[in-house]
Amino acid sequence: MHALLSELERDGFVARVRDPNDRRRMLVELAPAGARTLKRLDSRIQAAQEALLAPLSSADRHELERLLTKLVEHHSQQRSG
């Protein structure tokens, strides 16, 4: 985790700052460049999802979401139980 944060900080995406309530802790904040990149990636993800789901009606999309949620919940319970 430290290496990943160091790389993100080096590239200007995040900043580490001391916790004002506990000087031993470091907080990680999203830097302006990170916020811009995240916004751009969110737009790309949205476009990719729209392209993938284009053939499905609204009802089909809801059904797909329901079924995928059911699968995730089932497999999450198996791992924790």
C-alpha atoms as a PDB file:
ATOM      1  CA  MET A   1       0.000   0.000   0.000  1.00  0.00           C
ATOM      2  CA  HIS A   2       2.846   2.350   0.841  1.00  0.00           C
ATOM      3  CA  ALA A   3       4.409   1.892  -2.611  1.00  0.00           C
ATOM      4  CA  LEU A   4       1.087   2.547  -4.355  1.00  0.00           C
ATOM      5  CA  LEU A   5       0.438   5.687  -2.310  1.00  0.00           C
ATOM      6  CA  SER A   6       3.973   6.898  -2.955  1.00  0.00           C
ATOM      7  CA  GLU A   7       3.473   6.483  -6.697  1.00  0.00           C
ATOM      8  CA  LEU A   8       0.102   8.267  -6.636  1.00  0.00           C
ATOM      9  CA  GLU A   9       1.617  11.064  -4.566  1.00  0.00           C
ATOM     10  CA  ARG A  10       4.619  11.344  -6.884  1.00  0.00           C
ATOM     11  CA  ASP A  11       2.280  11.685  -9.862  1.00  0.00           C
ATOM     12  CA  GLY A  12       0.250  14.378  -8.088  1.00  0.00           C
ATOM     13  CA  PHE A  13      -2.979  12.403  -7.677  1.00  0.00           C
ATOM     14  CA  VAL A  14      -3.035  12.296  -3.860  1.00  0.00           C
ATOM     15  CA  ALA A  15      -1.430  14.160  -0.979  1.00  0.00           C
ATOM     16  CA  ARG A  16      -0.541  12.800   2.440  1.00  0.00           C
ATOM     17  CA  VAL A  17      -1.137  15.138   5.365  1.00  0.00           C
ATOM     18  CA  ARG A  18      -0.827  14.704   9.115  1.00  0.00           C
ATOM     19  CA  ASP A  19      -4.040  14.039  11.004  1.00  0.00           C
ATOM     20  CA  PRO A  20      -4.590  17.154  13.138  1.00  0.00           C
ATOM     21  CA  ASN A  21      -6.192  14.988  15.855  1.00  0.00           C
ATOM     22  CA  ASP A  22      -3.452  12.354  15.944  1.00  0.00           C
ATOM     23  CA  ARG A  23      -0.004  13.471  14.781  1.00  0.00           C
ATOM     24  CA  ARG A  24       1.054   9.827  14.391  1.00  0.00           C
ATOM     25  CA  ARG A  25      -1.463   9.251  11.594  1.00  0.00           C
ATOM     26  CA  MET A  26      -1.257  10.332   7.991  1.00  0.00           C
ATOM     27  CA  LEU A  27      -4.388  11.098   5.997  1.00  0.00           C
ATOM     28  CA  VAL A  28      -4.611  10.694   2.255  1.00  0.00           C
ATOM     29  CA  GLU A  29      -6.444  13.387   0.311  1.00  0.00           C
ATOM     30  CA  LEU A  30      -7.376  13.460  -3.339  1.00  0.00           C
ATOM     31  CA  ALA A  31      -5.313  16.167  -5.041  1.00  0.00           C
ATOM     32  CA  PRO A  32      -6.808  18.383  -7.779  1.00  0.00           C
ATOM     33  CA  ALA A  33      -5.063  16.334 -10.495  1.00  0.00           C
ATOM     34  CA  GLY A  34      -6.500  13.168  -8.943  1.00  0.00           C
ATOM     35  CA  ALA A  35      -9.997  14.650  -8.889  1.00  0.00           C
ATOM     36  CA  ARG A  36      -9.739  15.642 -12.567  1.00  0.00           C
ATOM     37  CA  THR A  37      -8.458  12.177 -13.502  1.00  0.00           C
ATOM     38  CA  LEU A  38     -11.197  10.475 -11.492  1.00  0.00           C
ATOM     39  CA  LYS A  39     -13.858  12.603 -13.214  1.00  0.00           C
ATOM     40  CA  ARG A  40     -12.425  11.738 -16.642  1.00  0.00           C
ATOM     41  CA  LEU A  41     -12.309   8.018 -15.775  1.00  0.00           C
ATOM     42  CA  ASP A  42     -15.879   8.117 -14.470  1.00  0.00           C
ATOM     43  CA  SER A  43     -16.982   9.520 -17.843  1.00  0.00           C
ATOM     44  CA  ARG A  44     -15.141   6.755 -19.689  1.00  0.00           C
ATOM     45  CA  ILE A  45     -16.625   4.070 -17.451  1.00  0.00           C
ATOM     46  CA  GLN A  46     -20.113   5.477 -18.003  1.00  0.00           C
ATOM     47  CA  ALA A  47     -19.587   5.468 -21.777  1.00  0.00           C
ATOM     48  CA  ALA A  48     -18.282   1.894 -21.713  1.00  0.00           C
ATOM     49  CA  GLN A  49     -21.248   0.731 -19.643  1.00  0.00           C
ATOM     50  CA  GLU A  50     -23.678   2.436 -21.990  1.00  0.00           C
ATOM     51  CA  ALA A  51     -22.033   0.780 -25.000  1.00  0.00           C
ATOM     52  CA  LEU A  52     -22.093  -2.636 -23.318  1.00  0.00           C
ATOM     53  CA  LEU A  53     -25.723  -2.363 -22.227  1.00  0.00           C
ATOM     54  CA  ALA A  54     -27.025  -0.638 -25.380  1.00  0.00           C
ATOM     55  CA  PRO A  55     -28.947  -3.685 -26.651  1.00  0.00           C
ATOM     56  CA  LEU A  56     -30.856  -4.055 -23.365  1.00  0.00           C
ATOM     57  CA  SER A  57     -34.098  -2.328 -22.511  1.00  0.00           C
ATOM     58  CA  SER A  58     -34.469  -0.569 -19.181  1.00  0.00           C
ATOM     59  CA  ALA A  59     -36.328  -3.594 -17.802  1.00  0.00           C
ATOM     60  CA  ASP A  60     -33.586  -5.933 -19.057  1.00  0.00           C
ATOM     61  CA  ARG A  61     -30.938  -3.766 -17.386  1.00  0.00           C
ATOM     62  CA  HIS A  62     -32.779  -3.921 -14.068  1.00  0.00           C
ATOM     63  CA  GLU A  63     -33.118  -7.694 -14.386  1.00  0.00           C
ATOM     64  CA  LEU A  64     -29.408  -8.049 -15.176  1.00  0.00           C
ATOM     65  CA  GLU A  65     -28.533  -5.925 -12.148  1.00  0.00           C
ATOM     66  CA  ARG A  66     -30.846  -8.015  -9.951  1.00  0.00           C
ATOM     67  CA  LEU A  67     -29.295 -11.271 -11.130  1.00  0.00           C
ATOM     68  CA  LEU A  68     -25.717 -10.038 -10.788  1.00  0.00           C
ATOM     69  CA  THR A  69     -26.466  -8.780  -7.282  1.00  0.00           C
ATOM     70  CA  LYS A  70     -27.890 -12.182  -6.406  1.00  0.00           C
ATOM     71  CA  LEU A  71     -24.695 -13.880  -7.618  1.00  0.00           C
ATOM     72  CA  VAL A  72     -22.423 -11.501  -5.724  1.00  0.00           C
ATOM     73  CA  GLU A  73     -24.414 -11.876  -2.509  1.00  0.00           C
ATOM     74  CA  HIS A  74     -24.365 -15.664  -2.789  1.00  0.00           C
ATOM     75  CA  HIS A  75     -20.615 -15.854  -3.319  1.00  0.00           C
ATOM     76  CA  SER A  76     -19.920 -13.245  -0.630  1.00  0.00           C
ATOM     77  CA  GLN A  77     -21.851 -15.355   1.876  1.00  0.00           C
ATOM     78  CA  GLN A  78     -19.922 -18.484   0.883  1.00  0.00           C
ATOM     79  CA  ARG A  79     -16.575 -16.793   1.538  1.00  0.00           C
ATOM     80  CA  SER A  80     -17.605 -15.371   4.914  1.00  0.00           C
ATOM     81  CA  GLY A  81     -19.495 -18.444   6.065  1.00  0.00           C
END
